N, C-alpha and C. Protein backbone atom coordinates (compact mmCIF):
# COMPACT_ATOMS: atom_id res chain seq x y z
N GLN A 1 -24.89 9.75 -73.42
CA GLN A 1 -25.13 8.32 -73.22
C GLN A 1 -26.58 7.96 -73.51
N THR A 2 -27.50 8.85 -73.13
CA THR A 2 -28.92 8.60 -73.38
C THR A 2 -29.26 8.74 -74.86
N ILE A 3 -28.72 9.77 -75.49
CA ILE A 3 -29.00 10.03 -76.90
C ILE A 3 -28.55 8.88 -77.79
N VAL A 4 -27.50 8.18 -77.39
CA VAL A 4 -26.93 7.12 -78.23
C VAL A 4 -27.76 5.83 -78.21
N ILE A 5 -28.71 5.69 -77.29
CA ILE A 5 -29.48 4.44 -77.15
C ILE A 5 -30.20 4.03 -78.44
N PRO A 6 -30.93 4.94 -79.13
CA PRO A 6 -31.56 4.51 -80.40
C PRO A 6 -30.57 4.00 -81.42
N LEU A 7 -29.38 4.62 -81.46
CA LEU A 7 -28.34 4.17 -82.39
C LEU A 7 -27.88 2.76 -82.01
N VAL A 8 -27.73 2.50 -80.73
CA VAL A 8 -27.33 1.16 -80.27
C VAL A 8 -28.34 0.12 -80.76
N LEU A 9 -29.61 0.40 -80.54
CA LEU A 9 -30.66 -0.56 -80.92
C LEU A 9 -30.68 -0.79 -82.43
N GLU A 10 -30.43 0.27 -83.21
CA GLU A 10 -30.42 0.13 -84.66
C GLU A 10 -29.25 -0.74 -85.12
N ILE A 11 -28.08 -0.53 -84.52
CA ILE A 11 -26.91 -1.34 -84.88
C ILE A 11 -27.12 -2.79 -84.46
N VAL A 12 -27.75 -3.01 -83.31
CA VAL A 12 -28.03 -4.38 -82.85
C VAL A 12 -28.92 -5.10 -83.86
N LYS A 13 -29.93 -4.40 -84.39
CA LYS A 13 -30.84 -5.02 -85.37
C LYS A 13 -30.09 -5.44 -86.63
N LYS A 14 -29.16 -4.57 -87.07
CA LYS A 14 -28.48 -4.81 -88.34
C LYS A 14 -27.25 -5.70 -88.21
N ARG A 15 -26.49 -5.54 -87.12
CA ARG A 15 -25.19 -6.22 -87.01
C ARG A 15 -25.15 -7.27 -85.90
N GLY A 16 -26.12 -7.28 -84.99
CA GLY A 16 -26.08 -8.21 -83.87
C GLY A 16 -25.38 -7.59 -82.66
N LYS A 17 -25.61 -8.17 -81.49
CA LYS A 17 -25.10 -7.61 -80.24
C LYS A 17 -23.58 -7.69 -80.10
N PRO A 18 -22.93 -8.82 -80.41
CA PRO A 18 -21.46 -8.86 -80.26
C PRO A 18 -20.75 -7.81 -81.11
N LYS A 19 -21.15 -7.65 -82.37
CA LYS A 19 -20.51 -6.66 -83.24
C LYS A 19 -20.81 -5.24 -82.76
N ALA A 20 -22.04 -5.02 -82.30
CA ALA A 20 -22.39 -3.70 -81.78
C ALA A 20 -21.53 -3.36 -80.58
N TYR A 21 -21.31 -4.34 -79.72
CA TYR A 21 -20.47 -4.09 -78.53
C TYR A 21 -19.06 -3.72 -78.95
N ARG A 22 -18.52 -4.40 -79.95
CA ARG A 22 -17.15 -4.10 -80.39
C ARG A 22 -17.07 -2.70 -81.00
N ILE A 23 -18.11 -2.30 -81.72
CA ILE A 23 -18.13 -0.96 -82.31
C ILE A 23 -18.05 0.11 -81.23
N PHE A 24 -18.86 -0.04 -80.17
CA PHE A 24 -18.89 0.98 -79.13
C PHE A 24 -17.65 0.89 -78.23
N SER A 25 -17.04 -0.28 -78.14
CA SER A 25 -15.76 -0.38 -77.43
C SER A 25 -14.70 0.44 -78.14
N LEU A 26 -14.69 0.36 -79.47
CA LEU A 26 -13.73 1.14 -80.26
C LEU A 26 -14.00 2.65 -80.12
N VAL A 27 -15.28 3.03 -80.09
CA VAL A 27 -15.62 4.44 -79.89
C VAL A 27 -15.08 4.92 -78.55
N TRP A 28 -15.25 4.10 -77.52
CA TRP A 28 -14.75 4.43 -76.17
C TRP A 28 -13.23 4.61 -76.20
N ILE A 29 -12.53 3.69 -76.87
CA ILE A 29 -11.06 3.75 -76.95
C ILE A 29 -10.61 5.03 -77.66
N VAL A 30 -11.27 5.35 -78.77
CA VAL A 30 -10.93 6.58 -79.52
C VAL A 30 -11.14 7.81 -78.63
N GLY A 31 -12.26 7.83 -77.89
CA GLY A 31 -12.54 8.95 -77.00
C GLY A 31 -11.49 9.10 -75.91
N ALA A 32 -11.11 7.97 -75.31
CA ALA A 32 -10.10 8.01 -74.25
C ALA A 32 -8.75 8.47 -74.79
N LEU A 33 -8.39 8.01 -75.98
CA LEU A 33 -7.13 8.45 -76.60
C LEU A 33 -7.15 9.95 -76.87
N SER A 34 -8.29 10.45 -77.36
CA SER A 34 -8.39 11.89 -77.65
C SER A 34 -8.28 12.70 -76.36
N LEU A 35 -8.84 12.18 -75.25
CA LEU A 35 -8.73 12.88 -73.97
C LEU A 35 -7.28 12.90 -73.50
N GLY A 36 -6.55 11.82 -73.81
CA GLY A 36 -5.16 11.71 -73.37
C GLY A 36 -4.24 12.72 -74.00
N ILE A 37 -4.60 13.23 -75.19
CA ILE A 37 -3.71 14.17 -75.87
C ILE A 37 -4.13 15.63 -75.65
N VAL A 38 -5.28 15.83 -74.95
CA VAL A 38 -5.72 17.20 -74.67
C VAL A 38 -4.77 17.85 -73.67
N SER A 39 -4.38 19.08 -73.93
CA SER A 39 -3.49 19.82 -73.03
C SER A 39 -4.05 21.22 -72.80
N PRO A 40 -3.57 21.91 -71.77
CA PRO A 40 -4.07 23.27 -71.49
C PRO A 40 -3.90 24.25 -72.64
N SER A 41 -2.94 23.98 -73.52
CA SER A 41 -2.70 24.90 -74.63
C SER A 41 -3.72 24.74 -75.77
N MET A 42 -4.49 23.66 -75.73
CA MET A 42 -5.47 23.39 -76.79
C MET A 42 -6.80 24.09 -76.48
N PRO A 43 -7.64 24.30 -77.51
CA PRO A 43 -8.95 24.94 -77.28
C PRO A 43 -9.81 24.12 -76.30
N VAL A 44 -10.57 24.82 -75.48
CA VAL A 44 -11.40 24.16 -74.46
C VAL A 44 -12.43 23.23 -75.09
N TRP A 45 -12.94 23.58 -76.28
CA TRP A 45 -14.02 22.78 -76.88
C TRP A 45 -13.57 21.35 -77.19
N LEU A 46 -12.24 21.13 -77.30
CA LEU A 46 -11.76 19.77 -77.56
C LEU A 46 -12.09 18.83 -76.40
N ILE A 47 -12.15 19.38 -75.18
CA ILE A 47 -12.52 18.56 -74.02
C ILE A 47 -13.94 18.05 -74.19
N TYR A 48 -14.84 18.92 -74.68
CA TYR A 48 -16.24 18.53 -74.86
C TYR A 48 -16.38 17.50 -75.97
N VAL A 49 -15.56 17.64 -77.01
CA VAL A 49 -15.57 16.64 -78.09
C VAL A 49 -15.15 15.29 -77.55
N SER A 50 -14.05 15.26 -76.78
CA SER A 50 -13.57 14.01 -76.19
C SER A 50 -14.62 13.41 -75.26
N ALA A 51 -15.24 14.27 -74.43
CA ALA A 51 -16.26 13.79 -73.48
C ALA A 51 -17.46 13.21 -74.22
N THR A 52 -17.83 13.82 -75.35
CA THR A 52 -18.96 13.33 -76.14
C THR A 52 -18.66 11.95 -76.72
N ILE A 53 -17.45 11.79 -77.26
CA ILE A 53 -17.06 10.49 -77.84
C ILE A 53 -17.02 9.43 -76.75
N ILE A 54 -16.41 9.76 -75.60
CA ILE A 54 -16.33 8.81 -74.49
C ILE A 54 -17.74 8.46 -74.01
N GLY A 55 -18.61 9.47 -73.89
CA GLY A 55 -19.98 9.22 -73.44
C GLY A 55 -20.72 8.28 -74.38
N ALA A 56 -20.54 8.48 -75.69
CA ALA A 56 -21.19 7.61 -76.66
C ALA A 56 -20.68 6.17 -76.53
N GLY A 57 -19.36 6.03 -76.38
CA GLY A 57 -18.78 4.68 -76.26
C GLY A 57 -19.22 3.98 -75.00
N ILE A 58 -19.13 4.68 -73.86
CA ILE A 58 -19.53 4.08 -72.59
C ILE A 58 -21.03 3.79 -72.58
N GLY A 59 -21.82 4.75 -73.09
CA GLY A 59 -23.27 4.55 -73.13
C GLY A 59 -23.64 3.31 -73.93
N GLY A 60 -23.01 3.16 -75.11
CA GLY A 60 -23.29 1.98 -75.93
C GLY A 60 -22.91 0.69 -75.24
N CYS A 61 -21.75 0.67 -74.59
CA CYS A 61 -21.28 -0.54 -73.90
C CYS A 61 -22.20 -0.90 -72.73
N ILE A 62 -22.60 0.12 -71.96
CA ILE A 62 -23.47 -0.15 -70.80
C ILE A 62 -24.82 -0.69 -71.25
N VAL A 63 -25.41 -0.04 -72.26
CA VAL A 63 -26.71 -0.50 -72.77
C VAL A 63 -26.60 -1.94 -73.27
N LEU A 64 -25.52 -2.23 -73.99
CA LEU A 64 -25.36 -3.56 -74.57
C LEU A 64 -25.16 -4.63 -73.50
N VAL A 65 -24.48 -4.28 -72.40
CA VAL A 65 -24.34 -5.25 -71.31
C VAL A 65 -25.71 -5.68 -70.81
N TYR A 66 -26.62 -4.72 -70.65
CA TYR A 66 -27.95 -5.04 -70.13
C TYR A 66 -28.85 -5.66 -71.20
N ILE A 67 -28.55 -5.41 -72.49
CA ILE A 67 -29.28 -6.08 -73.56
C ILE A 67 -28.83 -7.54 -73.68
N ILE A 68 -27.55 -7.78 -73.46
CA ILE A 68 -26.99 -9.13 -73.56
C ILE A 68 -27.37 -9.99 -72.36
N LEU A 69 -27.55 -9.37 -71.20
CA LEU A 69 -27.80 -10.11 -69.96
C LEU A 69 -28.96 -11.11 -70.07
N PRO A 70 -30.12 -10.72 -70.63
CA PRO A 70 -31.21 -11.71 -70.76
C PRO A 70 -30.82 -12.90 -71.65
N ASP A 71 -29.97 -12.65 -72.66
CA ASP A 71 -29.53 -13.75 -73.52
C ASP A 71 -28.73 -14.79 -72.73
N ILE A 72 -27.91 -14.32 -71.78
CA ILE A 72 -27.13 -15.23 -70.95
C ILE A 72 -28.06 -16.13 -70.16
N ALA A 73 -29.15 -15.56 -69.65
CA ALA A 73 -30.12 -16.34 -68.90
C ALA A 73 -30.78 -17.40 -69.79
N LEU A 74 -31.06 -17.04 -71.05
CA LEU A 74 -31.68 -17.99 -71.98
C LEU A 74 -30.70 -19.12 -72.33
N ILE A 75 -29.44 -18.76 -72.54
CA ILE A 75 -28.43 -19.78 -72.84
C ILE A 75 -28.27 -20.73 -71.66
N ASP A 76 -28.24 -20.17 -70.45
CA ASP A 76 -28.14 -20.99 -69.25
C ASP A 76 -29.34 -21.94 -69.15
N GLU A 77 -30.51 -21.44 -69.46
CA GLU A 77 -31.71 -22.29 -69.41
C GLU A 77 -31.64 -23.42 -70.43
N ALA A 78 -31.11 -23.11 -71.63
CA ALA A 78 -30.99 -24.14 -72.66
C ALA A 78 -30.03 -25.24 -72.24
N VAL A 79 -28.97 -24.88 -71.50
CA VAL A 79 -27.95 -25.85 -71.08
C VAL A 79 -28.39 -26.63 -69.85
N THR A 80 -28.94 -25.93 -68.85
CA THR A 80 -29.24 -26.56 -67.56
C THR A 80 -30.69 -26.98 -67.41
N GLY A 81 -31.57 -26.38 -68.23
CA GLY A 81 -32.99 -26.66 -68.09
C GLY A 81 -33.65 -25.89 -66.96
N GLU A 82 -32.91 -25.00 -66.31
CA GLU A 82 -33.45 -24.20 -65.21
C GLU A 82 -33.36 -22.71 -65.53
N ARG A 83 -34.29 -21.96 -64.96
CA ARG A 83 -34.29 -20.50 -65.16
C ARG A 83 -33.55 -19.85 -64.00
N SER A 84 -32.44 -19.17 -64.32
CA SER A 84 -31.60 -18.58 -63.27
C SER A 84 -31.35 -17.10 -63.52
N ALA A 85 -32.32 -16.42 -64.13
CA ALA A 85 -32.13 -15.02 -64.49
C ALA A 85 -31.82 -14.17 -63.26
N GLY A 86 -32.50 -14.45 -62.14
CA GLY A 86 -32.28 -13.68 -60.92
C GLY A 86 -30.86 -13.81 -60.40
N SER A 87 -30.34 -15.04 -60.42
CA SER A 87 -28.97 -15.28 -59.93
C SER A 87 -27.94 -14.58 -60.83
N ILE A 88 -28.14 -14.67 -62.14
CA ILE A 88 -27.22 -14.04 -63.08
C ILE A 88 -27.23 -12.52 -62.91
N SER A 89 -28.43 -11.95 -62.78
CA SER A 89 -28.55 -10.50 -62.57
C SER A 89 -27.89 -10.08 -61.26
N GLY A 90 -28.04 -10.91 -60.22
CA GLY A 90 -27.42 -10.62 -58.93
C GLY A 90 -25.91 -10.60 -59.00
N VAL A 91 -25.33 -11.53 -59.74
CA VAL A 91 -23.87 -11.58 -59.90
C VAL A 91 -23.37 -10.33 -60.62
N VAL A 92 -24.09 -9.92 -61.68
CA VAL A 92 -23.69 -8.74 -62.44
C VAL A 92 -23.77 -7.49 -61.56
N SER A 93 -24.85 -7.37 -60.79
CA SER A 93 -24.99 -6.21 -59.89
C SER A 93 -23.88 -6.18 -58.85
N PHE A 94 -23.54 -7.36 -58.30
CA PHE A 94 -22.46 -7.44 -57.33
C PHE A 94 -21.12 -7.02 -57.93
N MET A 95 -20.85 -7.48 -59.16
CA MET A 95 -19.59 -7.14 -59.81
C MET A 95 -19.50 -5.64 -60.09
N ARG A 96 -20.62 -5.02 -60.47
CA ARG A 96 -20.62 -3.57 -60.71
C ARG A 96 -20.34 -2.81 -59.42
N LYS A 97 -20.96 -3.24 -58.32
CA LYS A 97 -20.73 -2.58 -57.02
C LYS A 97 -19.27 -2.76 -56.58
N LEU A 98 -18.75 -3.98 -56.77
CA LEU A 98 -17.36 -4.25 -56.39
C LEU A 98 -16.39 -3.41 -57.21
N ALA A 99 -16.64 -3.33 -58.51
CA ALA A 99 -15.77 -2.53 -59.38
C ALA A 99 -15.81 -1.06 -58.98
N GLY A 100 -17.01 -0.56 -58.64
CA GLY A 100 -17.14 0.83 -58.21
C GLY A 100 -16.37 1.10 -56.93
N ALA A 101 -16.44 0.15 -55.99
CA ALA A 101 -15.73 0.32 -54.72
C ALA A 101 -14.21 0.32 -54.93
N ILE A 102 -13.74 -0.60 -55.78
CA ILE A 102 -12.30 -0.68 -56.05
C ILE A 102 -11.83 0.60 -56.74
N ALA A 103 -12.61 1.09 -57.70
CA ALA A 103 -12.24 2.31 -58.42
C ALA A 103 -12.16 3.51 -57.47
N SER A 104 -13.14 3.62 -56.57
CA SER A 104 -13.13 4.73 -55.60
C SER A 104 -11.91 4.67 -54.70
N TYR A 105 -11.56 3.46 -54.29
CA TYR A 105 -10.39 3.28 -53.42
C TYR A 105 -9.11 3.65 -54.14
N LEU A 106 -9.00 3.26 -55.41
CA LEU A 106 -7.79 3.58 -56.19
C LEU A 106 -7.66 5.08 -56.41
N VAL A 107 -8.78 5.76 -56.63
CA VAL A 107 -8.74 7.22 -56.79
C VAL A 107 -8.24 7.88 -55.51
N THR A 108 -8.73 7.37 -54.36
CA THR A 108 -8.29 7.91 -53.07
C THR A 108 -6.79 7.72 -52.88
N LEU A 109 -6.28 6.54 -53.24
CA LEU A 109 -4.84 6.28 -53.14
C LEU A 109 -4.05 7.21 -54.05
N ALA A 110 -4.58 7.42 -55.26
CA ALA A 110 -3.89 8.29 -56.21
C ALA A 110 -3.78 9.71 -55.65
N LEU A 111 -4.87 10.19 -55.05
CA LEU A 111 -4.84 11.54 -54.45
C LEU A 111 -3.82 11.61 -53.33
N GLN A 112 -3.72 10.53 -52.57
CA GLN A 112 -2.87 10.52 -51.38
C GLN A 112 -1.38 10.43 -51.73
N TYR A 113 -1.05 9.61 -52.72
CA TYR A 113 0.37 9.29 -52.95
C TYR A 113 0.99 9.95 -54.17
N THR A 114 0.24 10.75 -54.90
CA THR A 114 0.83 11.37 -56.10
C THR A 114 0.99 12.88 -55.96
N GLY A 115 0.87 13.37 -54.73
CA GLY A 115 1.19 14.78 -54.49
C GLY A 115 0.08 15.76 -54.75
N TYR A 116 -1.17 15.30 -54.66
CA TYR A 116 -2.30 16.22 -54.87
C TYR A 116 -2.27 17.35 -53.86
N LEU A 117 -2.43 18.57 -54.33
CA LEU A 117 -2.42 19.75 -53.47
C LEU A 117 -3.85 20.26 -53.27
N LYS A 118 -4.29 20.28 -52.03
CA LYS A 118 -5.64 20.74 -51.72
C LYS A 118 -5.74 22.25 -51.95
N PRO A 119 -6.95 22.72 -52.26
CA PRO A 119 -7.14 24.19 -52.36
C PRO A 119 -6.81 24.86 -51.03
N VAL A 120 -6.23 26.04 -51.12
CA VAL A 120 -5.87 26.80 -49.91
C VAL A 120 -6.97 27.81 -49.61
N LYS A 121 -7.45 27.79 -48.37
CA LYS A 121 -8.48 28.75 -47.97
C LYS A 121 -7.83 30.11 -47.70
N THR A 122 -8.33 31.12 -48.37
CA THR A 122 -7.79 32.48 -48.22
C THR A 122 -8.95 33.46 -48.05
N GLU A 123 -8.75 34.43 -47.17
CA GLU A 123 -9.79 35.44 -46.95
C GLU A 123 -9.52 36.63 -47.86
N VAL A 124 -10.49 36.94 -48.71
CA VAL A 124 -10.39 38.07 -49.63
C VAL A 124 -11.59 38.99 -49.38
N ASP A 125 -11.30 40.23 -48.92
CA ASP A 125 -12.36 41.20 -48.62
C ASP A 125 -13.40 40.64 -47.67
N GLY A 126 -12.93 39.90 -46.67
CA GLY A 126 -13.83 39.34 -45.68
C GLY A 126 -14.54 38.07 -46.11
N ILE A 127 -14.26 37.59 -47.33
CA ILE A 127 -14.90 36.37 -47.84
C ILE A 127 -13.85 35.29 -47.98
N ILE A 128 -14.14 34.11 -47.39
CA ILE A 128 -13.20 32.99 -47.47
C ILE A 128 -13.37 32.28 -48.81
N GLN A 129 -12.28 32.18 -49.55
CA GLN A 129 -12.30 31.53 -50.86
C GLN A 129 -11.30 30.38 -50.89
N ASN A 130 -11.62 29.38 -51.70
CA ASN A 130 -10.69 28.27 -51.94
C ASN A 130 -9.87 28.57 -53.18
N ILE A 131 -8.57 28.68 -53.00
CA ILE A 131 -7.67 28.97 -54.12
C ILE A 131 -7.07 27.66 -54.62
N GLU A 132 -7.40 27.30 -55.87
CA GLU A 132 -6.87 26.07 -56.45
C GLU A 132 -5.36 26.18 -56.63
N GLN A 133 -4.67 25.08 -56.36
CA GLN A 133 -3.21 25.05 -56.48
C GLN A 133 -2.79 24.41 -57.81
N ILE A 134 -1.64 24.82 -58.30
CA ILE A 134 -1.09 24.18 -59.50
C ILE A 134 -0.60 22.79 -59.09
N GLN A 135 -1.15 21.77 -59.76
CA GLN A 135 -0.85 20.40 -59.38
C GLN A 135 0.50 19.94 -59.97
N PRO A 136 1.21 19.10 -59.22
CA PRO A 136 2.50 18.59 -59.72
C PRO A 136 2.32 17.61 -60.87
N ASP A 137 3.37 17.41 -61.63
CA ASP A 137 3.32 16.49 -62.77
C ASP A 137 2.97 15.07 -62.35
N SER A 138 3.41 14.67 -61.15
CA SER A 138 3.12 13.31 -60.68
C SER A 138 1.61 13.08 -60.57
N PHE A 139 0.88 14.08 -60.10
CA PHE A 139 -0.57 13.94 -59.97
C PHE A 139 -1.24 13.94 -61.34
N LEU A 140 -0.78 14.80 -62.25
CA LEU A 140 -1.35 14.85 -63.60
C LEU A 140 -1.13 13.54 -64.34
N THR A 141 0.05 12.94 -64.12
CA THR A 141 0.32 11.62 -64.72
C THR A 141 -0.63 10.57 -64.18
N ALA A 142 -0.87 10.62 -62.86
CA ALA A 142 -1.80 9.67 -62.24
C ALA A 142 -3.20 9.83 -62.82
N LEU A 143 -3.62 11.08 -63.08
CA LEU A 143 -4.93 11.32 -63.68
C LEU A 143 -5.02 10.70 -65.06
N ARG A 144 -3.96 10.86 -65.85
CA ARG A 144 -3.97 10.29 -67.20
C ARG A 144 -4.03 8.75 -67.14
N ILE A 145 -3.35 8.17 -66.17
CA ILE A 145 -3.41 6.71 -66.01
C ILE A 145 -4.82 6.28 -65.66
N MET A 146 -5.47 7.00 -64.73
CA MET A 146 -6.80 6.61 -64.25
C MET A 146 -7.88 6.83 -65.31
N PHE A 147 -7.78 7.94 -66.06
CA PHE A 147 -8.86 8.30 -66.96
C PHE A 147 -8.58 7.99 -68.43
N VAL A 148 -7.35 7.58 -68.74
CA VAL A 148 -7.01 7.26 -70.12
C VAL A 148 -6.48 5.83 -70.24
N PHE A 149 -5.37 5.54 -69.57
CA PHE A 149 -4.70 4.26 -69.75
C PHE A 149 -5.55 3.08 -69.24
N ILE A 150 -6.04 3.16 -68.00
CA ILE A 150 -6.82 2.05 -67.44
C ILE A 150 -8.12 1.82 -68.22
N PRO A 151 -8.91 2.87 -68.53
CA PRO A 151 -10.11 2.63 -69.34
C PRO A 151 -9.81 2.01 -70.70
N ILE A 152 -8.72 2.44 -71.35
CA ILE A 152 -8.38 1.85 -72.65
C ILE A 152 -8.04 0.38 -72.49
N CYS A 153 -7.28 0.03 -71.45
CA CYS A 153 -6.95 -1.38 -71.20
C CYS A 153 -8.20 -2.22 -71.00
N LEU A 154 -9.14 -1.70 -70.21
CA LEU A 154 -10.39 -2.43 -69.93
C LEU A 154 -11.24 -2.54 -71.19
N ALA A 155 -11.28 -1.47 -71.99
CA ALA A 155 -12.07 -1.49 -73.22
C ALA A 155 -11.49 -2.49 -74.22
N VAL A 156 -10.16 -2.54 -74.32
CA VAL A 156 -9.51 -3.51 -75.22
C VAL A 156 -9.79 -4.94 -74.74
N LEU A 157 -9.70 -5.15 -73.43
CA LEU A 157 -9.98 -6.48 -72.86
C LEU A 157 -11.41 -6.90 -73.17
N SER A 158 -12.37 -5.99 -72.96
CA SER A 158 -13.77 -6.33 -73.20
C SER A 158 -14.02 -6.53 -74.70
N TYR A 159 -13.29 -5.80 -75.54
CA TYR A 159 -13.43 -5.98 -76.99
C TYR A 159 -13.09 -7.41 -77.38
N PHE A 160 -11.93 -7.90 -76.91
CA PHE A 160 -11.52 -9.25 -77.27
C PHE A 160 -12.39 -10.31 -76.58
N ALA A 161 -12.89 -10.00 -75.38
CA ALA A 161 -13.81 -10.93 -74.71
C ALA A 161 -15.09 -11.08 -75.53
N SER A 162 -15.54 -9.98 -76.14
CA SER A 162 -16.78 -10.04 -76.91
C SER A 162 -16.64 -10.87 -78.19
N THR A 163 -15.41 -11.06 -78.67
CA THR A 163 -15.22 -11.88 -79.86
C THR A 163 -15.54 -13.35 -79.58
N ARG A 164 -15.54 -13.73 -78.30
CA ARG A 164 -15.88 -15.12 -77.92
C ARG A 164 -17.37 -15.31 -77.74
N TYR A 165 -18.11 -14.21 -77.74
CA TYR A 165 -19.55 -14.27 -77.55
C TYR A 165 -20.21 -14.42 -78.92
N LYS A 166 -20.77 -15.58 -79.20
CA LYS A 166 -21.25 -15.91 -80.54
C LYS A 166 -22.76 -15.73 -80.72
N ALA A 167 -23.43 -15.13 -79.74
CA ALA A 167 -24.89 -15.03 -79.79
C ALA A 167 -25.33 -13.90 -80.71
N ASP A 168 -25.20 -14.14 -82.03
CA ASP A 168 -25.69 -13.14 -82.98
C ASP A 168 -27.20 -13.32 -83.16
N ASN A 169 -27.80 -12.56 -84.06
CA ASN A 169 -29.26 -12.60 -84.23
C ASN A 169 -29.76 -13.96 -84.69
N GLU A 170 -29.00 -14.62 -85.56
CA GLU A 170 -29.40 -15.96 -86.05
C GLU A 170 -29.38 -16.96 -84.90
N PHE A 171 -28.33 -16.91 -84.07
CA PHE A 171 -28.23 -17.81 -82.93
C PHE A 171 -29.41 -17.61 -81.97
N LEU A 172 -29.74 -16.36 -81.68
CA LEU A 172 -30.83 -16.07 -80.73
C LEU A 172 -32.17 -16.51 -81.27
N ASN A 173 -32.34 -16.43 -82.58
CA ASN A 173 -33.58 -16.91 -83.19
C ASN A 173 -33.73 -18.42 -83.00
N LEU A 174 -32.64 -19.16 -83.22
CA LEU A 174 -32.66 -20.62 -83.00
C LEU A 174 -32.89 -20.94 -81.53
N LEU A 175 -32.26 -20.18 -80.65
CA LEU A 175 -32.38 -20.41 -79.21
C LEU A 175 -33.83 -20.22 -78.75
N GLN A 176 -34.47 -19.17 -79.23
CA GLN A 176 -35.86 -18.91 -78.85
C GLN A 176 -36.77 -20.05 -79.30
N LYS A 177 -36.56 -20.54 -80.51
CA LYS A 177 -37.37 -21.66 -81.01
C LYS A 177 -37.15 -22.91 -80.17
N HIS A 178 -35.89 -23.17 -79.81
CA HIS A 178 -35.59 -24.34 -78.97
C HIS A 178 -36.29 -24.25 -77.62
N LEU A 179 -36.24 -23.06 -77.01
CA LEU A 179 -36.84 -22.89 -75.68
C LEU A 179 -38.36 -22.93 -75.73
N HIS A 180 -38.96 -22.45 -76.81
CA HIS A 180 -40.41 -22.56 -76.95
C HIS A 180 -40.86 -24.03 -76.88
N TYR A 181 -40.05 -24.88 -77.49
CA TYR A 181 -40.38 -26.31 -77.48
C TYR A 181 -40.10 -26.96 -76.13
N THR A 182 -38.91 -26.69 -75.55
CA THR A 182 -38.55 -27.33 -74.28
C THR A 182 -39.41 -26.83 -73.12
N ARG A 183 -39.94 -25.62 -73.21
CA ARG A 183 -40.83 -25.11 -72.16
C ARG A 183 -42.26 -25.64 -72.29
N GLY A 184 -42.53 -26.32 -73.39
CA GLY A 184 -43.88 -26.84 -73.62
C GLY A 184 -44.84 -25.80 -74.16
N GLU A 185 -44.29 -24.71 -74.71
CA GLU A 185 -45.16 -23.66 -75.25
C GLU A 185 -45.68 -24.03 -76.64
N THR A 186 -45.08 -25.04 -77.24
CA THR A 186 -45.56 -25.58 -78.51
C THR A 186 -45.31 -27.09 -78.53
N ASP A 187 -46.20 -27.82 -79.16
CA ASP A 187 -46.04 -29.28 -79.25
C ASP A 187 -45.18 -29.68 -80.43
N GLU A 188 -44.99 -28.75 -81.35
CA GLU A 188 -44.21 -29.03 -82.56
C GLU A 188 -42.77 -28.60 -82.37
N LYS A 189 -41.84 -29.50 -82.69
CA LYS A 189 -40.43 -29.15 -82.60
C LYS A 189 -40.09 -28.18 -83.73
N LEU A 190 -39.58 -27.01 -83.36
CA LEU A 190 -39.40 -25.94 -84.34
C LEU A 190 -38.05 -25.98 -85.03
N LEU A 191 -37.13 -26.78 -84.51
CA LEU A 191 -35.80 -26.87 -85.10
C LEU A 191 -35.57 -28.24 -85.72
N THR A 192 -34.84 -28.24 -86.84
CA THR A 192 -34.41 -29.51 -87.41
C THR A 192 -33.24 -30.04 -86.57
N GLU A 193 -32.87 -31.29 -86.80
CA GLU A 193 -31.73 -31.87 -86.06
C GLU A 193 -30.45 -31.09 -86.35
N GLU A 194 -30.28 -30.69 -87.60
CA GLU A 194 -29.07 -29.93 -87.97
C GLU A 194 -29.03 -28.58 -87.26
N GLU A 195 -30.17 -27.90 -87.19
CA GLU A 195 -30.24 -26.60 -86.53
C GLU A 195 -29.95 -26.73 -85.04
N GLU A 196 -30.49 -27.81 -84.44
CA GLU A 196 -30.27 -28.01 -83.01
C GLU A 196 -28.80 -28.30 -82.71
N GLN A 197 -28.18 -29.13 -83.55
CA GLN A 197 -26.75 -29.41 -83.39
C GLN A 197 -25.92 -28.16 -83.56
N SER A 198 -26.27 -27.34 -84.55
CA SER A 198 -25.58 -26.07 -84.78
C SER A 198 -25.72 -25.15 -83.57
N LEU A 199 -26.91 -25.11 -83.00
CA LEU A 199 -27.16 -24.27 -81.84
C LEU A 199 -26.26 -24.64 -80.67
N PHE A 200 -26.20 -25.93 -80.36
CA PHE A 200 -25.43 -26.35 -79.17
C PHE A 200 -23.92 -26.34 -79.44
N LYS A 201 -23.52 -26.41 -80.67
CA LYS A 201 -22.09 -26.22 -80.98
C LYS A 201 -21.67 -24.80 -80.67
N MET A 202 -22.55 -23.85 -80.98
CA MET A 202 -22.25 -22.43 -80.72
C MET A 202 -22.25 -22.12 -79.24
N ILE A 203 -23.10 -22.82 -78.48
CA ILE A 203 -23.10 -22.64 -77.03
C ILE A 203 -21.81 -23.17 -76.43
């Protein structure tokens, strides 16, 4: 996830944030699909390949969320005339905490109701060891739902949500010029009437 950050920034420069987000959403989906087809009979290294692809996709999406966040604050300022970056950041942080809590609760339910077998403590040569149990198919299915199906559904949803986000590099350039003028940082209006109309149509 860390290694992919320079690549994210490079794609943002060339393609813009919405397109970059869609690219990494697709990477995440491909990674999750590859994890879904991994079985015990396959080579172990395939797990690492799947994990690498998933890590790249998730890393790109997470970085882009935080790169896009300041843009939302700028758009809000252009519409309302007020700076609400703190409130917007607070809502995002709350949603992340809420999502984490819900996910943890769902994992606990899955362990409880899908037949998860706890390791059995056994004494071997005077040493107590935890012996892992062979898990039932119901639990393995639940794992695939949690780590493959649900993430793919969320990634697909976020992919299509990002198609509604029109703040490409050209839009952000116009927005910055508009805000420089409305904040009083320059006395000269930097946008033509056509550019300003185009900007607010996109908002």
